Protein backbone atom coordinates (compact mmCIF):
# COMPACT_ATOMS: atom_id res chain seq x y z
CA MET A 1 -4.00 21.14 26.92
CA ALA A 2 -0.64 19.73 25.85
CA LYS A 3 1.78 18.91 28.63
CA SER A 4 5.24 20.39 28.44
CA ARG A 5 7.67 17.55 29.03
CA SER A 6 11.43 17.38 28.73
CA ARG A 7 12.99 15.32 25.94
CA ARG A 8 14.27 12.82 28.51
CA LEU A 9 10.79 12.33 29.98
CA ARG A 10 9.16 12.02 26.53
CA LYS A 11 11.69 9.29 25.70
CA LYS A 12 11.08 7.49 29.00
CA LEU A 13 7.29 7.61 28.49
CA CYS A 14 7.50 6.69 24.75
CA VAL A 15 5.46 9.73 23.71
CA GLY A 16 5.91 12.50 21.16
CA GLU A 17 8.76 11.80 18.78
CA PHE A 18 9.52 8.60 20.75
CA LYS A 19 6.09 7.00 20.19
CA GLU A 20 6.28 3.38 19.06
CA VAL A 21 3.47 1.81 17.01
CA GLY A 22 2.54 -1.76 16.15
CA PHE A 23 -0.59 -3.73 15.24
CA ASP A 24 -2.81 -6.58 16.39
CA VAL A 25 -3.18 -9.83 14.45
CA ASP A 26 -6.10 -12.23 14.89
CA LEU A 27 -5.77 -15.71 13.36
CA GLN A 28 -8.37 -18.42 12.80
CA PHE A 29 -7.22 -21.88 11.77
CA PRO A 30 -9.64 -24.43 10.31
CA ASP A 31 -11.25 -26.54 13.07
CA ASP A 32 -9.47 -29.72 12.03
CA THR A 33 -5.94 -28.21 12.01
CA ALA A 34 -3.41 -30.45 13.78
CA ALA A 35 -1.01 -28.99 16.34
CA GLU A 36 1.94 -29.90 14.10
CA ALA A 37 0.44 -27.86 11.25
CA VAL A 38 0.02 -24.85 13.55
CA ASP A 39 3.65 -25.20 14.67
CA ALA A 40 4.80 -25.40 11.04
CA PHE A 41 2.71 -22.32 10.18
CA PHE A 42 4.36 -20.27 12.93
CA ALA A 43 7.84 -21.51 11.98
CA ARG A 44 7.23 -20.26 8.42
CA PHE A 45 5.54 -17.05 9.66
CA PHE A 46 8.57 -16.14 11.77
CA SER A 47 11.24 -17.15 9.24
CA GLU A 48 9.55 -15.77 6.11
CA VAL A 49 8.03 -12.46 7.24
CA ILE A 50 8.48 -11.52 10.91
CA GLU A 51 12.27 -11.85 11.22
CA PRO A 52 13.13 -10.59 7.69
CA GLU A 53 11.05 -7.45 8.34
CA GLY A 54 12.81 -6.85 11.67
CA LEU A 55 9.64 -7.45 13.67
CA LEU A 56 8.57 -9.33 16.78
CA TYR A 57 5.32 -11.23 17.39
CA GLY A 58 4.01 -11.58 20.91
CA GLY A 59 0.93 -13.62 21.59
CA GLY A 60 -0.52 -17.04 21.01
CA GLU A 61 -2.06 -19.21 18.33
CA THR A 62 -5.17 -17.08 17.86
CA SER A 63 -4.03 -13.51 18.47
CA GLY A 64 -0.96 -11.42 19.05
CA PHE A 65 0.74 -8.07 18.64
CA VAL A 66 3.44 -7.21 16.11
CA CYS A 67 6.03 -4.55 16.87
CA VAL A 68 9.57 -3.64 15.84
CA ALA A 69 12.47 -5.56 17.36
CA GLY A 70 14.18 -2.85 19.41
CA ARG A 71 13.14 0.78 19.46
CA GLY A 72 11.02 2.19 16.67
CA SER A 73 7.70 1.83 14.94
CA VAL A 74 6.19 -0.55 12.44
CA THR A 75 5.73 1.03 9.01
CA ASP A 76 2.69 0.68 6.77
CA ALA A 77 4.87 -1.31 4.36
CA GLN A 78 5.78 -3.82 7.08
CA ARG A 79 2.13 -4.13 8.13
CA GLU A 80 1.12 -4.72 4.50
CA ALA A 81 3.90 -7.33 4.09
CA VAL A 82 2.53 -9.29 7.07
CA GLN A 83 -1.02 -8.99 5.74
CA ALA A 84 0.03 -10.16 2.26
CA TRP A 85 1.95 -13.12 3.70
CA LEU A 86 -1.02 -14.20 5.81
CA ALA A 87 -3.34 -13.95 2.78
CA ALA A 88 -0.96 -16.05 0.67
CA SER A 89 -0.20 -18.65 3.35
CA GLY A 90 -3.34 -20.71 2.67
CA ALA A 91 -3.25 -22.17 6.19
CA LEU A 92 -5.86 -19.91 7.78
CA ARG A 93 -9.64 -19.97 7.67
CA ASP A 94 -9.67 -16.23 8.38
CA PHE A 95 -7.42 -13.51 9.77
CA HIS A 96 -7.54 -9.85 10.71
CA VAL A 97 -4.65 -7.38 10.73
CA GLY A 98 -5.52 -4.37 12.86
CA PRO A 99 -4.60 -0.73 12.32
CA LEU A 100 -1.39 0.78 13.62
CA VAL A 101 -1.76 1.64 17.31
CA ASP A 102 0.51 3.06 19.97
CA ALA A 103 2.37 0.09 21.44
CA TRP A 104 2.46 1.62 24.93
CA PHE A 105 -0.92 3.42 25.04
CA PRO A 106 -3.13 1.53 22.51
CA THR A 107 -5.26 4.01 20.60
CA PRO A 108 -5.63 4.10 16.80
CA VAL A 109 -3.01 6.21 15.05
CA VAL A 110 -4.64 8.83 12.86
CA ALA A 111 -2.94 9.21 9.48
CA GLY A 112 -1.87 12.68 8.56
């Protein structure tokens, strides 16, 4: 049964039309990767795709979450841009870009 909530409460809870979505990123560097190379990778990652797309990355060297800087949701195009950049970077052994999920209440977002 759907709960009847005021617009103000939906905004405060980030639900309904105020839902914000993002996605998980898992990164695997080759075993022999130096710390300086990891730092250089993240400097390029932030300057070439995260900041230009208006996104934020929160996490560490092996996993993190990508969301929009400020209020709003990540689009499929932004998610695909991050995925394409990671594939083209050549610095990773493997990576996984997860599906769009609710940033506040992580459950997969069903397209449609």
